[in-house]
PDB file of N, CA and C in Angstrom:
ATOM      1  N   UNK A   1       0.759  -1.245  -0.003  1.00  0.00           N
ATOM      2  CA  UNK A   1       0.098  -0.187   0.202  1.00  0.00           C
ATOM      3  C   UNK A   1       0.885   1.158   0.025  1.00  0.00           C
ATOM      4  N   UNK A   2       0.911   1.969  -1.043  1.00  0.00           N
ATOM      5  CA  UNK A   2       1.316   3.405  -0.984  1.00  0.00           C
ATOM      6  C   UNK A   2       0.702   4.499  -0.238  1.00  0.00           C
ATOM      7  N   UNK A   3       1.441   5.580   0.156  1.00  0.00           N
ATOM      8  CA  UNK A   3       1.414   6.517   1.366  1.00  0.00           C
ATOM      9  C   UNK A   3       1.095   7.903   0.306  1.00  0.00           C
ATOM     10  N   UNK A   4       0.123   8.002  -0.037  1.00  0.00           N
ATOM     11  CA  UNK A   4      -0.127   9.188  -0.886  1.00  0.00           C
ATOM     12  C   UNK A   4       0.135  10.489  -0.436  1.00  0.00           C
ATOM     13  N   UNK A   5       0.225  10.742   0.677  1.00  0.00           N
ATOM     14  CA  UNK A   5       0.737  12.064   1.478  1.00  0.00           C
ATOM     15  C   UNK A   5       2.431  12.182   1.213  1.00  0.00           C
ATOM     16  N   UNK A   6       3.255  11.037   1.217  1.00  0.00           N
ATOM     17  CA  UNK A   6       4.707  10.917   1.277  1.00  0.00           C
ATOM     18  C   UNK A   6       4.983  11.178  -0.401  1.00  0.00           C
ATOM     19  N   UNK A   7       3.960  10.481  -1.252  1.00  0.00           N
ATOM     20  CA  UNK A   7       4.189  10.489  -2.944  1.00  0.00           C
ATOM     21  C   UNK A   7       4.169  11.829  -3.400  1.00  0.00           C
ATOM     22  N   UNK A   8       3.375  12.660  -2.634  1.00  0.00           N
ATOM     23  CA  UNK A   8       2.964  14.227  -2.927  1.00  0.00           C
ATOM     24  C   UNK A   8       3.990  14.809  -2.678  1.00  0.00           C
ATOM     25  N   UNK A   9       4.561  14.751  -1.260  1.00  0.00           N
ATOM     26  CA  UNK A   9       5.694  15.335  -0.643  1.00  0.00           C
ATOM     27  C   UNK A   9       7.097  14.964  -1.322  1.00  0.00           C
ATOM     28  N   UNK A  10       7.309  13.615  -1.841  1.00  0.00           N
ATOM     29  CA  UNK A  10       8.536  13.384  -2.871  1.00  0.00           C
ATOM     30  C   UNK A  10       8.391  14.359  -4.414  1.00  0.00           C
ATOM     31  N   UNK A  11       7.143  14.251  -4.624  1.00  0.00           N
ATOM     32  CA  UNK A  11       6.888  15.066  -6.153  1.00  0.00           C
ATOM     33  C   UNK A  11       7.320  16.228  -5.716  1.00  0.00           C
ATOM     34  N   UNK A  12       6.711  16.780  -4.913  1.00  0.00           N
ATOM     35  CA  UNK A  12       7.118  18.221  -4.394  1.00  0.00           C
ATOM     36  C   UNK A  12       8.362  18.914  -4.198  1.00  0.00           C
ATOM     37  N   UNK A  13       9.058  17.828  -3.345  1.00  0.00           N
ATOM     38  CA  UNK A  13      10.834  18.126  -3.178  1.00  0.00           C
ATOM     39  C   UNK A  13      11.167  17.976  -4.860  1.00  0.00           C
ATOM     40  N   UNK A  14      11.151  17.008  -5.444  1.00  0.00           N
ATOM     41  CA  UNK A  14      11.755  16.650  -7.125  1.00  0.00           C
ATOM     42  C   UNK A  14      11.246  18.196  -7.922  1.00  0.00           C
ATOM     43  N   UNK A  15      10.289  18.578  -7.821  1.00  0.00           N
ATOM     44  CA  UNK A  15       9.763  19.800  -8.383  1.00  0.00           C
ATOM     45  C   UNK A  15      10.394  21.154  -7.796  1.00  0.00           C
ATOM     46  N   UNK A  16      10.824  21.016  -6.537  1.00  0.00           N
ATOM     47  CA  UNK A  16      11.903  22.349  -6.116  1.00  0.00           C
ATOM     48  C   UNK A  16      13.256  22.179  -5.838  1.00  0.00           C
ATOM     49  N   UNK A  17      13.834  20.924  -6.752  1.00  0.00           N
ATOM     50  CA  UNK A  17      15.027  20.738  -6.799  1.00  0.00           C
ATOM     51  C   UNK A  17      16.094  22.101  -7.376  1.00  0.00           C
ATOM     52  N   UNK A  18      17.159  21.895  -7.527  1.00  0.00           N
ATOM     53  CA  UNK A  18      18.126  23.182  -7.876  1.00  0.00           C
ATOM     54  C   UNK A  18      18.485  23.956  -6.833  1.00  0.00           C
ATOM     55  N   UNK A  19      18.878  25.245  -7.230  1.00  0.00           N
ATOM     56  CA  UNK A  19      19.290  26.236  -6.140  1.00  0.00           C
ATOM     57  C   UNK A  19      19.010  27.623  -6.077  1.00  0.00           C
ATOM     58  N   UNK A  20      19.010  28.102  -5.211  1.00  0.00           N
ATOM     59  CA  UNK A  20      18.833  29.516  -5.071  1.00  0.00           C
ATOM     60  C   UNK A  20      20.021  30.183  -5.125  1.00  0.00           C
ATOM     61  N   UNK A  21      20.155  31.638  -5.028  1.00  0.00           N
ATOM     62  CA  UNK A  21      21.486  32.442  -4.843  1.00  0.00           C
ATOM     63  C   UNK A  21      21.013  33.670  -4.388  1.00  0.00           C
ATOM     64  N   UNK A  22      22.154  34.432  -3.918  1.00  0.00           N
ATOM     65  CA  UNK A  22      21.871  35.970  -3.550  1.00  0.00           C
ATOM     66  C   UNK A  22      23.536  35.935  -3.335  1.00  0.00           C
ATOM     67  N   UNK A  23      24.045  37.360  -4.180  1.00  0.00           N
ATOM     68  CA  UNK A  23      25.231  37.827  -4.033  1.00  0.00           C
ATOM     69  C   UNK A  23      25.344  38.927  -3.005  1.00  0.00           C
ATOM     70  N   UNK A  24      26.460  38.410  -2.199  1.00  0.00           N
ATOM     71  CA  UNK A  24      26.590  39.744  -0.971  1.00  0.00           C
ATOM     72  C   UNK A  24      26.854  41.133  -1.426  1.00  0.00           C
ATOM     73  N   UNK A  25      26.430  42.124  -1.379  1.00  0.00           N
ATOM     74  CA  UNK A  25      27.064  43.191  -2.123  1.00  0.00           C
ATOM     75  C   UNK A  25      27.906  43.692  -1.908  1.00  0.00           C
ATOM     76  N   UNK A  26      28.775  43.839  -0.581  1.00  0.00           N
ATOM     77  CA  UNK A  26      29.900  44.457  -0.266  1.00  0.00           C
ATOM     78  C   UNK A  26      31.105  43.651  -1.294  1.00  0.00           C
ATOM     79  N   UNK A  27      31.082  42.534  -0.727  1.00  0.00           N
ATOM     80  CA  UNK A  27      32.065  41.360  -1.562  1.00  0.00           C
ATOM     81  C   UNK A  27      31.847  41.034  -2.518  1.00  0.00           C
ATOM     82  N   UNK A  28      30.536  40.824  -3.217  1.00  0.00           N
ATOM     83  CA  UNK A  28      30.619  40.334  -4.404  1.00  0.00           C
ATOM     84  C   UNK A  28      30.743  38.446  -4.533  1.00  0.00           C
ATOM     85  N   UNK A  29      30.928  38.220  -3.347  1.00  0.00           N
ATOM     86  CA  UNK A  29      30.481  36.642  -3.469  1.00  0.00           C
ATOM     87  C   UNK A  29      29.048  35.840  -3.542  1.00  0.00           C
ATOM     88  N   UNK A  30      28.940  35.193  -4.586  1.00  0.00           N
ATOM     89  CA  UNK A  30      27.720  34.309  -4.624  1.00  0.00           C
ATOM     90  C   UNK A  30      27.655  33.268  -3.445  1.00  0.00           C
ATOM     91  N   UNK A  31      26.436  33.360  -3.263  1.00  0.00           N
ATOM     92  CA  UNK A  31      26.171  32.367  -2.090  1.00  0.00           C
ATOM     93  C   UNK A  31      24.723  31.730  -2.640  1.00  0.00           C
ATOM     94  N   UNK A  32      25.038  29.787  -2.653  1.00  0.00           N
ATOM     95  CA  UNK A  32      23.903  29.225  -3.146  1.00  0.00           C
ATOM     96  C   UNK A  32      23.519  28.399  -1.997  1.00  0.00           C
ATOM     97  N   UNK A  33      22.199  27.980  -2.450  1.00  0.00           N
ATOM     98  CA  UNK A  33      21.819  26.951  -1.064  1.00  0.00           C
ATOM     99  C   UNK A  33      20.515  26.383  -2.184  1.00  0.00           C
ATOM    100  N   UNK A  34      20.315  25.288  -1.808  1.00  0.00           N
ATOM    101  CA  UNK A  34      19.180  24.238  -2.527  1.00  0.00           C
ATOM    102  C   UNK A  34      17.843  25.011  -1.962  1.00  0.00           C
ATOM    103  N   UNK A  35      16.976  24.614  -3.010  1.00  0.00           N
ATOM    104  CA  UNK A  35      15.317  25.219  -3.237  1.00  0.00           C
ATOM    105  C   UNK A  35      14.917  24.798  -1.940  1.00  0.00           C
ATOM    106  N   UNK A  36      15.099  23.430  -2.041  1.00  0.00           N
ATOM    107  CA  UNK A  36      14.122  22.481  -1.209  1.00  0.00           C
ATOM    108  C   UNK A  36      15.388  21.995   0.317  1.00  0.00           C
ATOM    109  N   UNK A  37      15.006  22.835   0.704  1.00  0.00           N
ATOM    110  CA  UNK A  37      15.706  22.679   2.186  1.00  0.00           C
ATOM    111  C   UNK A  37      14.803  21.544   3.184  1.00  0.00           C
ATOM    112  N   UNK A  38      15.780  20.593   3.588  1.00  0.00           N
ATOM    113  CA  UNK A  38      15.327  19.778   4.421  1.00  0.00           C
ATOM    114  C   UNK A  38      15.213  19.891   5.898  1.00  0.00           C
ATOM    115  N   UNK A  39      14.320  19.362   6.602  1.00  0.00           N
ATOM    116  CA  UNK A  39      14.128  19.962   8.114  1.00  0.00           C
ATOM    117  C   UNK A  39      15.268  19.273   8.627  1.00  0.00           C
ATOM    118  N   UNK A  40      15.995  18.470   8.505  1.00  0.00           N
ATOM    119  CA  UNK A  40      16.579  17.764   9.247  1.00  0.00           C
ATOM    120  C   UNK A  40      17.983  18.248   9.619  1.00  0.00           C
ATOM    121  N   UNK A  41      18.307  19.050   8.497  1.00  0.00           N
ATOM    122  CA  UNK A  41      19.422  20.006   8.480  1.00  0.00           C
ATOM    123  C   UNK A  41      18.918  21.162   9.878  1.00  0.00           C
ATOM    124  N   UNK A  42      18.037  21.643   9.760  1.00  0.00           N
ATOM    125  CA  UNK A  42      17.668  22.589  10.585  1.00  0.00           C
ATOM    126  C   UNK A  42      17.663  21.921  12.271  1.00  0.00           C
ATOM    127  N   UNK A  43      17.175  20.691  12.255  1.00  0.00           N
ATOM    128  CA  UNK A  43      16.970  20.195  13.482  1.00  0.00           C
ATOM    129  C   UNK A  43      18.525  19.959  14.056  1.00  0.00           C
ATOM    130  N   UNK A  44      19.311  19.289  13.413  1.00  0.00           N
ATOM    131  CA  UNK A  44      20.756  19.055  13.748  1.00  0.00           C
ATOM    132  C   UNK A  44      21.518  20.409  13.994  1.00  0.00           C
ATOM    133  N   UNK A  45      21.273  21.543  13.289  1.00  0.00           N
ATOM    134  CA  UNK A  45      21.969  22.827  13.789  1.00  0.00           C
ATOM    135  C   UNK A  45      21.514  23.607  14.922  1.00  0.00           C
ATOM    136  N   UNK A  46      19.951  23.154  15.266  1.00  0.00           N
ATOM    137  CA  UNK A  46      19.550  23.339  16.790  1.00  0.00           C
ATOM    138  C   UNK A  46      19.955  22.914  17.777  1.00  0.00           C
ATOM    139  N   UNK A  47      19.976  21.437  17.310  1.00  0.00           N
ATOM    140  CA  UNK A  47      20.750  20.242  18.860  1.00  0.00           C
ATOM    141  C   UNK A  47      22.046  21.088  18.571  1.00  0.00           C
ATOM    142  N   UNK A  48      23.335  21.187  17.757  1.00  0.00           N
ATOM    143  CA  UNK A  48      24.069  21.197  17.588  1.00  0.00           C
ATOM    144  C   UNK A  48      24.579  22.763  18.891  1.00  0.00           C
ATOM    145  N   UNK A  49      23.574  23.511  18.685  1.00  0.00           N
ATOM    146  CA  UNK A  49      23.599  25.079  19.283  1.00  0.00           C
ATOM    147  C   UNK A  49      23.027  25.049  20.413  1.00  0.00           C
ATOM    148  N   UNK A  50      22.469  23.959  20.922  1.00  0.00           N
ATOM    149  CA  UNK A  50      21.495  23.693  22.242  1.00  0.00           C
ATOM    150  C   UNK A  50      20.840  24.995  21.962  1.00  0.00           C
ATOM    151  N   UNK A  51      19.721  24.912  21.108  1.00  0.00           N
ATOM    152  CA  UNK A  51      18.722  25.641  20.597  1.00  0.00           C
ATOM    153  C   UNK A  51      18.943  27.379  20.721  1.00  0.00           C
ATOM    154  N   UNK A  52      20.114  27.406  20.673  1.00  0.00           N
ATOM    155  CA  UNK A  52      20.530  28.954  20.596  1.00  0.00           C
ATOM    156  C   UNK A  52      20.094  29.586  19.041  1.00  0.00           C
ATOM    157  N   UNK A  53      18.979  30.194  18.789  1.00  0.00           N
ATOM    158  CA  UNK A  53      18.899  30.655  17.302  1.00  0.00           C
ATOM    159  C   UNK A  53      20.068  31.525  16.515  1.00  0.00           C
ATOM    160  N   UNK A  54      20.432  32.282  16.964  1.00  0.00           N
ATOM    161  CA  UNK A  54      21.536  32.863  16.241  1.00  0.00           C
ATOM    162  C   UNK A  54      22.802  32.231  15.665  1.00  0.00           C
ATOM    163  N   UNK A  55      23.175  30.717  16.861  1.00  0.00           N
ATOM    164  CA  UNK A  55      24.120  30.146  16.799  1.00  0.00           C
ATOM    165  C   UNK A  55      23.562  29.241  15.836  1.00  0.00           C
ATOM    166  N   UNK A  56      22.230  28.643  15.899  1.00  0.00           N
ATOM    167  CA  UNK A  56      21.428  27.607  15.086  1.00  0.00           C
ATOM    168  C   UNK A  56      21.600  28.130  13.516  1.00  0.00           C
ATOM    169  N   UNK A  57      21.299  29.681  13.372  1.00  0.00           N
ATOM    170  CA  UNK A  57      21.424  29.940  11.717  1.00  0.00           C
ATOM    171  C   UNK A  57      22.428  30.010  11.365  1.00  0.00           C
ATOM    172  N   UNK A  58      23.502  30.423  12.070  1.00  0.00           N
ATOM    173  CA  UNK A  58      24.926  30.545  11.295  1.00  0.00           C
ATOM    174  C   UNK A  58      25.196  28.956  11.260  1.00  0.00           C
ATOM    175  N   UNK A  59      25.308  27.727  12.007  1.00  0.00           N
ATOM    176  CA  UNK A  59      25.338  26.629  11.791  1.00  0.00           C
ATOM    177  C   UNK A  59      24.782  26.044  10.381  1.00  0.00           C
ATOM    178  N   UNK A  60      23.486  26.355  10.671  1.00  0.00           N
ATOM    179  CA  UNK A  60      22.481  25.963   9.186  1.00  0.00           C
ATOM    180  C   UNK A  60      23.177  26.692   7.861  1.00  0.00           C
ATOM    181  N   UNK A  61      23.064  27.854   7.636  1.00  0.00           N
ATOM    182  CA  UNK A  61      23.737  28.375   6.633  1.00  0.00           C
ATOM    183  C   UNK A  61      24.764  27.853   6.172  1.00  0.00           C
ATOM    184  N   UNK A  62      25.767  27.713   6.793  1.00  0.00           N
ATOM    185  CA  UNK A  62      27.306  27.215   6.456  1.00  0.00           C
ATOM    186  C   UNK A  62      27.021  25.672   6.394  1.00  0.00           C
ATOM    187  N   UNK A  63      26.449  25.210   6.752  1.00  0.00           N
ATOM    188  CA  UNK A  63      26.059  23.568   6.152  1.00  0.00           C
ATOM    189  C   UNK A  63      25.342  23.634   5.057  1.00  0.00           C
ATOM    190  N   UNK A  64      24.143  24.292   4.679  1.00  0.00           N
ATOM    191  CA  UNK A  64      23.597  24.367   3.100  1.00  0.00           C
ATOM    192  C   UNK A  64      24.091  25.033   2.136  1.00  0.00           C
ATOM    193  N   UNK A  65      25.192  25.954   2.620  1.00  0.00           N
ATOM    194  CA  UNK A  65      24.906  27.252   1.433  1.00  0.00           C
ATOM    195  C   UNK A  65      26.468  26.982   1.270  1.00  0.00           C
ATOM    196  N   UNK A  66      27.008  27.320  -0.439  1.00  0.00           N
ATOM    197  CA  UNK A  66      28.258  27.778  -0.646  1.00  0.00           C
ATOM    198  C   UNK A  66      28.589  29.321  -0.840  1.00  0.00           C
ATOM    199  N   UNK A  67      29.937  29.685  -0.802  1.00  0.00           N
ATOM    200  CA  UNK A  67      30.017  31.078  -0.919  1.00  0.00           C
ATOM    201  C   UNK A  67      31.136  30.912  -2.034  1.00  0.00           C
ATOM    202  N   UNK A  68      30.837  31.462  -3.361  1.00  0.00           N
ATOM    203  CA  UNK A  68      31.497  31.352  -4.775  1.00  0.00           C
ATOM    204  C   UNK A  68      31.589  30.079  -4.877  1.00  0.00           C
ATOM    205  N   UNK A  69      31.205  28.955  -4.400  1.00  0.00           N
ATOM    206  CA  UNK A  69      31.308  27.215  -4.455  1.00  0.00           C
ATOM    207  C   UNK A  69      32.085  26.758  -3.445  1.00  0.00           C
ATOM    208  N   UNK A  70      32.334  27.558  -2.541  1.00  0.00           N
ATOM    209  CA  UNK A  70      33.157  26.755  -1.111  1.00  0.00           C
ATOM    210  C   UNK A  70      32.348  27.205   0.050  1.00  0.00           C
ATOM    211  N   UNK A  71      32.553  26.093   0.888  1.00  0.00           N
ATOM    212  CA  UNK A  71      32.128  26.075   2.342  1.00  0.00           C
ATOM    213  C   UNK A  71      33.185  27.244   3.116  1.00  0.00           C
ATOM    214  N   UNK A  72      32.432  27.714   4.218  1.00  0.00           N
ATOM    215  CA  UNK A  72      32.822  28.297   5.179  1.00  0.00           C
ATOM    216  C   UNK A  72      32.656  28.256   6.264  1.00  0.00           C
ATOM    217  N   UNK A  73      33.141  28.435   7.512  1.00  0.00           N
ATOM    218  CA  UNK A  73      33.369  28.159   8.920  1.00  0.00           C
ATOM    219  C   UNK A  73      32.228  29.158   9.689  1.00  0.00           C
ATOM    220  N   UNK A  74      31.637  28.735  10.602  1.00  0.00           N
ATOM    221  CA  UNK A  74      30.850  29.670  11.081  1.00  0.00           C
ATOM    222  C   UNK A  74      31.623  30.565  12.098  1.00  0.00           C
ATOM    223  N   UNK A  75      32.940  30.883  12.209  1.00  0.00           N
ATOM    224  CA  UNK A  75      33.750  31.902  13.006  1.00  0.00           C
ATOM    225  C   UNK A  75      33.862  32.654  11.482  1.00  0.00           C
ATOM    226  N   UNK A  76      34.110  32.067   9.989  1.00  0.00           N
ATOM    227  CA  UNK A  76      34.123  32.898   8.651  1.00  0.00           C
ATOM    228  C   UNK A  76      33.192  33.795   8.686  1.00  0.00           C
ATOM    229  N   UNK A  77      31.892  33.180   8.903  1.00  0.00           N
ATOM    230  CA  UNK A  77      30.698  34.270   8.826  1.00  0.00           C
ATOM    231  C   UNK A  77      30.381  34.667   9.867  1.00  0.00           C
ATOM    232  N   UNK A  78      30.908  34.852  11.030  1.00  0.00           N
ATOM    233  CA  UNK A  78      30.842  35.851  12.060  1.00  0.00           C
ATOM    234  C   UNK A  78      31.525  36.765  11.883  1.00  0.00           C
ATOM    235  N   UNK A  79      32.745  36.490  11.324  1.00  0.00           N
ATOM    236  CA  UNK A  79      33.721  37.685  11.024  1.00  0.00           C
ATOM    237  C   UNK A  79      33.845  38.371   9.977  1.00  0.00           C
ATOM    238  N   UNK A  80      33.399  37.864   8.860  1.00  0.00           N
ATOM    239  CA  UNK A  80      33.762  38.515   7.212  1.00  0.00           C
ATOM    240  C   UNK A  80      32.135  38.967   6.454  1.00  0.00           C
ATOM    241  N   UNK A  81      30.849  38.491   7.249  1.00  0.00           N
ATOM    242  CA  UNK A  81      29.790  38.694   6.334  1.00  0.00           C
ATOM    243  C   UNK A  81      29.393  39.906   7.443  1.00  0.00           C
ATOM    244  N   UNK A  82      28.948  41.415   6.795  1.00  0.00           N
ATOM    245  CA  UNK A  82      28.556  41.889   7.507  1.00  0.00           C
ATOM    246  C   UNK A  82      27.230  41.618   7.828  1.00  0.00           C
ATOM    247  N   UNK A  83      26.388  42.160   8.984  1.00  0.00           N
ATOM    248  CA  UNK A  83      25.338  42.028   9.771  1.00  0.00           C
ATOM    249  C   UNK A  83      24.104  42.098   8.919  1.00  0.00           C
ATOM    250  N   UNK A  84      24.199  43.321   7.842  1.00  0.00           N
ATOM    251  CA  UNK A  84      23.147  43.820   7.301  1.00  0.00           C
ATOM    252  C   UNK A  84      22.911  42.511   6.145  1.00  0.00           C
ATOM    253  N   UNK A  85      24.307  42.097   5.240  1.00  0.00           N
ATOM    254  CA  UNK A  85      24.152  40.974   4.614  1.00  0.00           C
ATOM    255  C   UNK A  85      23.505  39.913   5.143  1.00  0.00           C
ATOM    256  N   UNK A  86      24.211  39.603   6.441  1.00  0.00           N
ATOM    257  CA  UNK A  86      24.005  38.060   6.681  1.00  0.00           C
ATOM    258  C   UNK A  86      22.314  37.959   7.300  1.00  0.00           C
ATOM    259  N   UNK A  87      21.863  39.436   7.553  1.00  0.00           N
ATOM    260  CA  UNK A  87      20.498  39.307   7.770  1.00  0.00           C
ATOM    261  C   UNK A  87      19.554  38.895   6.494  1.00  0.00           C
ATOM    262  N   UNK A  88      19.631  39.772   5.698  1.00  0.00           N
ATOM    263  CA  UNK A  88      19.086  39.843   4.361  1.00  0.00           C
ATOM    264  C   UNK A  88      19.439  38.241   3.793  1.00  0.00           C
ATOM    265  N   UNK A  89      20.499  37.715   3.724  1.00  0.00           N
ATOM    266  CA  UNK A  89      20.819  36.564   3.305  1.00  0.00           C
ATOM    267  C   UNK A  89      19.599  35.377   4.363  1.00  0.00           C
ATOM    268  N   UNK A  90      19.771  35.194   5.502  1.00  0.00           N
ATOM    269  CA  UNK A  90      18.871  34.793   6.421  1.00  0.00           C
ATOM    270  C   UNK A  90      17.656  34.932   6.101  1.00  0.00           C
ATOM    271  N   UNK A  91      17.201  36.037   5.608  1.00  0.00           N
ATOM    272  CA  UNK A  91      15.610  36.268   5.258  1.00  0.00           C
ATOM    273  C   UNK A  91      15.425  35.332   3.920  1.00  0.00           C
ATOM    274  N   UNK A  92      16.411  35.736   3.099  1.00  0.00           N
ATOM    275  CA  UNK A  92      16.246  35.223   1.557  1.00  0.00           C
ATOM    276  C   UNK A  92      16.393  33.308   1.868  1.00  0.00           C
ATOM    277  N   UNK A  93      17.063  32.820   2.798  1.00  0.00           N
ATOM    278  CA  UNK A  93      16.912  31.536   3.154  1.00  0.00           C
ATOM    279  C   UNK A  93      15.517  31.097   3.571  1.00  0.00           C
ATOM    280  N   UNK A  94      15.450  31.682   4.534  1.00  0.00           N
ATOM    281  CA  UNK A  94      14.143  31.054   5.563  1.00  0.00           C
ATOM    282  C   UNK A  94      12.922  31.696   4.809  1.00  0.00           C
ATOM    283  N   UNK A  95      12.702  32.742   4.476  1.00  0.00           N
ATOM    284  CA  UNK A  95      11.185  33.395   4.133  1.00  0.00           C
ATOM    285  C   UNK A  95      11.249  33.187   2.200  1.00  0.00           C
ATOM    286  N   UNK A  96      12.121  33.689   1.635  1.00  0.00           N
ATOM    287  CA  UNK A  96      12.330  33.573   0.166  1.00  0.00           C
ATOM    288  C   UNK A  96      12.035  35.136  -0.025  1.00  0.00           C
ATOM    289  N   UNK A  97      11.801  35.302  -1.364  1.00  0.00           N
ATOM    290  CA  UNK A  97      11.694  36.572  -2.365  1.00  0.00           C
ATOM    291  C   UNK A  97      10.393  36.589  -1.913  1.00  0.00           C
ATOM    292  N   UNK A  98       9.439  35.894  -2.355  1.00  0.00           N
ATOM    293  CA  UNK A  98       7.918  36.169  -2.934  1.00  0.00           C
ATOM    294  C   UNK A  98       7.061  36.365  -1.292  1.00  0.00           C
ATOM    295  N   UNK A  99       7.666  35.679  -0.716  1.00  0.00           N
ATOM    296  CA  UNK A  99       6.816  35.700   0.812  1.00  0.00           C
ATOM    297  C   UNK A  99       7.013  37.053   1.533  1.00  0.00           C
ATOM    298  N   UNK A 100       8.586  37.394   1.426  1.00  0.00           N
ATOM    299  CA  UNK A 100       8.798  38.427   2.396  1.00  0.00           C
ATOM    300  C   UNK A 100       7.696  39.903   2.033  1.00  0.00           C
ATOM    301  N   UNK A 101       7.467  40.055   0.702  1.00  0.00           N
ATOM    302  CA  UNK A 101       6.722  41.138   0.386  1.00  0.00           C
ATOM    303  C   UNK A 101       5.367  40.916   1.145  1.00  0.00           C
ATOM    304  N   UNK A 102       4.769  39.823   0.928  1.00  0.00           N
ATOM    305  CA  UNK A 102       3.583  39.537   1.458  1.00  0.00           C
ATOM    306  C   UNK A 102       3.399  39.304   3.107  1.00  0.00           C
ATOM    307  N   UNK A 103       4.145  38.812   3.309  1.00  0.00           N
ATOM    308  CA  UNK A 103       4.607  38.602   5.456  1.00  0.00           C
ATOM    309  C   UNK A 103       4.688  40.658   5.630  1.00  0.00           C
ATOM    310  N   UNK A 104       5.542  40.762   5.247  1.00  0.00           N
ATOM    311  CA  UNK A 104       5.193  42.688   5.615  1.00  0.00           C
ATOM    312  C   UNK A 104       4.325  43.231   5.398  1.00  0.00           C
ATOM    313  N   UNK A 105       3.596  42.884   4.094  1.00  0.00           N
ATOM    314  CA  UNK A 105       2.121  43.649   4.315  1.00  0.00           C
ATOM    315  C   UNK A 105       1.014  43.021   5.274  1.00  0.00           C
ATOM    316  N   UNK A 106       1.349  41.920   5.238  1.00  0.00           N
ATOM    317  CA  UNK A 106       0.240  41.026   6.525  1.00  0.00           C
ATOM    318  C   UNK A 106       0.669  41.530   7.858  1.00  0.00           C
ATOM    319  N   UNK A 107       1.868  41.662   8.523  1.00  0.00           N
ATOM    320  CA  UNK A 107       2.333  42.456   9.370  1.00  0.00           C
ATOM    321  C   UNK A 107       1.975  43.866   9.756  1.00  0.00           C
ATOM    322  N   UNK A 108       2.287  44.383   8.989  1.00  0.00           N
ATOM    323  CA  UNK A 108       1.780  46.003   8.564  1.00  0.00           C
ATOM    324  C   UNK A 108       0.313  46.381   8.688  1.00  0.00           C
ATOM    325  N   UNK A 109      -0.487  45.540   7.767  1.00  0.00           N
ATOM    326  CA  UNK A 109      -2.088  45.352   7.912  1.00  0.00           C
ATOM    327  C   UNK A 109      -2.576  45.141   9.363  1.00  0.00           C
ATOM    328  N   UNK A 110      -2.271  44.109   9.531  1.00  0.00           N
ATOM    329  CA  UNK A 110      -2.277  43.696  11.242  1.00  0.00           C
ATOM    330  C   UNK A 110      -2.192  44.806  12.189  1.00  0.00           C
ATOM    331  N   UNK A 111      -0.792  45.594  11.884  1.00  0.00           N
ATOM    332  CA  UNK A 111      -0.464  46.218  13.162  1.00  0.00           C
ATOM    333  C   UNK A 111      -1.566  47.959  12.864  1.00  0.00           C
ATOM    334  N   UNK A 112      -1.768  47.788  11.896  1.00  0.00           N
ATOM    335  CA  UNK A 112      -2.878  49.051  11.126  1.00  0.00           C
ATOM    336  C   UNK A 112      -4.196  48.725  11.969  1.00  0.00           C
ATOM    337  N   UNK A 113      -4.762  47.583  11.665  1.00  0.00           N
ATOM    338  CA  UNK A 113      -6.149  47.359  12.184  1.00  0.00           C
ATOM    339  C   UNK A 113      -6.012  47.490  13.989  1.00  0.00           C
ATOM    340  N   UNK A 114      -4.711  47.285  14.689  1.00  0.00           N
ATOM    341  CA  UNK A 114      -4.842  46.884  15.985  1.00  0.00           C
ATOM    342  C   UNK A 114      -4.626  48.448  16.660  1.00  0.00           C
ATOM    343  N   UNK A 115      -4.093  49.299  15.762  1.00  0.00           N
ATOM    344  CA  UNK A 115      -4.031  50.755  16.197  1.00  0.00           C
ATOM    345  C   UNK A 115      -5.482  51.240  16.331  1.00  0.00           C
TER     346      UNK A 115
END
């Protein structure tokens, strides 16, 4: 007996194969990561960081992404990637390009209705 939900999930993973990318403006370094992000990598990063979200994010990015085709360490990430570019990259990885605009609108609209 096949599991239809798992089959749909597998199909979705296949349809979302490939990479996304972002170029760090100050250095011109191209960062690439898989379009389909496996939850297991995030869980491992959380465990390794003892649930410290900032450390987990750095571990996760260094695990899944390449910088001009190469891996960098968490120490390099913290020392050489400017905070504004790190935050923009994290938003692209965790939120994506399309959702970020709608999320901002939703939050803005929610704030307006509460005011």
